Protein backbone atom coordinates (compact mmCIF):
# COMPACT_ATOMS: atom_id res chain seq x y z
CA MET A 1 1.08 28.92 -14.37
CA ARG A 2 4.35 28.81 -16.16
CA LEU A 3 4.41 27.10 -19.52
CA ASN A 4 7.62 25.29 -18.55
CA THR A 5 5.83 23.55 -15.69
CA LEU A 6 3.15 22.25 -18.03
CA PHE A 7 5.80 21.09 -20.52
CA ALA A 8 7.54 19.19 -17.73
CA ALA A 9 4.33 17.23 -17.21
CA VAL A 10 3.72 16.68 -20.93
CA VAL A 11 7.28 15.95 -22.14
CA PRO A 12 7.25 12.23 -21.25
CA LEU A 13 4.01 11.80 -23.16
CA VAL A 14 5.24 13.68 -26.19
CA LEU A 15 8.35 11.56 -26.36
CA LEU A 16 6.13 8.50 -26.56
CA LEU A 17 3.88 10.02 -29.18
CA PRO A 18 3.95 8.82 -32.81
CA LEU A 19 3.66 11.82 -35.11
CA SER A 20 1.99 12.12 -38.54
CA ALA A 21 2.63 15.13 -40.77
CA GLN A 22 -0.55 15.79 -42.64
CA ALA A 23 -1.33 12.14 -42.27
CA ALA A 24 -3.81 10.26 -40.19
CA TRP A 25 -2.96 9.21 -36.66
CA PRO A 26 -2.59 5.46 -36.31
CA LYS A 27 -5.82 3.89 -35.04
CA GLY A 28 -6.38 4.60 -31.34
CA VAL A 29 -3.13 6.55 -30.92
CA LYS A 30 -4.66 10.03 -30.88
CA GLU A 31 -7.10 8.94 -28.19
CA GLN A 32 -4.23 7.45 -26.18
CA TYR A 33 -2.27 10.70 -26.56
CA MET A 34 -5.24 12.82 -25.49
CA ASN A 35 -5.94 10.64 -22.44
CA ASP A 36 -2.30 10.56 -21.32
CA CYS A 37 -1.66 14.24 -22.05
CA THR A 38 -4.84 15.46 -20.36
CA LYS A 39 -4.19 13.32 -17.29
CA ALA A 40 -0.64 14.67 -16.92
CA ALA A 41 -1.52 18.28 -17.70
CA SER A 42 -4.49 18.25 -15.30
CA GLN A 43 -2.01 17.91 -12.45
CA SER A 44 -0.81 21.46 -13.20
CA VAL A 45 -3.84 23.24 -14.66
CA ASN A 46 -7.61 22.79 -14.59
CA PRO A 47 -9.02 20.01 -16.83
CA THR A 48 -10.52 22.42 -19.37
CA VAL A 49 -7.19 24.19 -19.95
CA ALA A 50 -5.39 20.84 -20.03
CA LYS A 51 -7.74 19.55 -22.74
CA GLN A 52 -7.29 22.73 -24.80
CA HIS A 53 -3.51 22.45 -24.59
CA CYS A 54 -3.50 18.75 -25.48
CA THR A 55 -5.89 19.28 -28.39
CA CYS A 56 -3.61 22.01 -29.73
CA GLY A 57 -0.60 19.70 -29.37
CA ALA A 58 -2.38 16.85 -31.15
CA ASP A 59 -3.36 19.17 -34.01
CA VAL A 60 0.21 20.45 -34.35
CA LEU A 61 1.61 16.94 -34.42
CA GLU A 62 -0.90 15.89 -37.05
CA LYS A 63 0.04 18.83 -39.28
CA LYS A 64 3.81 18.77 -38.81
CA PHE A 65 4.72 15.07 -38.55
CA THR A 66 4.25 11.92 -40.60
CA THR A 67 2.25 8.91 -39.43
CA GLN A 68 5.54 7.03 -39.05
CA GLU A 69 7.02 9.80 -36.87
CA ILE A 70 3.90 9.84 -34.70
CA SER A 71 4.19 6.08 -34.28
CA GLN A 72 7.82 6.45 -33.21
CA LEU A 73 6.92 9.12 -30.66
CA MET A 74 4.12 7.02 -29.16
CA ASP A 75 6.02 3.73 -29.06
CA LYS A 76 6.37 2.97 -25.35
CA ASN A 77 8.86 0.15 -25.98
CA THR A 78 11.35 2.10 -28.10
CA PRO A 79 11.97 5.76 -27.29
CA PRO A 80 12.20 8.13 -30.26
CA SER A 81 15.49 9.68 -31.28
CA GLY A 82 16.50 12.77 -29.36
CA GLU A 83 16.19 14.84 -32.51
CA LEU A 84 12.60 13.73 -33.14
CA GLY A 85 11.62 14.32 -29.51
CA GLN A 86 13.18 17.79 -29.51
CA ARG A 87 11.46 18.64 -32.78
CA ALA A 88 8.11 17.56 -31.32
CA LEU A 89 8.62 19.72 -28.24
CA LYS A 90 9.59 22.70 -30.37
CA GLU A 91 6.51 22.36 -32.58
CA ILE A 92 4.14 21.90 -29.64
CA SER A 93 5.58 24.95 -27.90
CA VAL A 94 3.29 27.12 -30.06
CA CYS A 95 0.39 25.95 -27.91
CA ARG A 96 -0.01 28.54 -25.18
CA VAL A 97 -1.84 27.82 -21.97
CA GLN A 98 -4.63 30.34 -21.37
CA LYS A 99 -5.49 30.96 -17.74
């Protein structure tokens, strides 16, 4: 499974994700991210691998982004800036899918 294929499934979710650098996720947002990410990633890889990848992505976002940035990424009504979305994708790219 190519990592790019998984990213193609996860990118829309990441762009909607509000990020929090060493801050707490807004209430209910991490669960929403995990549900949406796992559902999308499970279309390309088995559910266990999808959950591992999404958990890694959530942890990276929590460490590298502020609560406000996480909120901007997860806001389904207002897309985040291109720069913030690209930064999120770059940071999450450290999460490797294990077959």
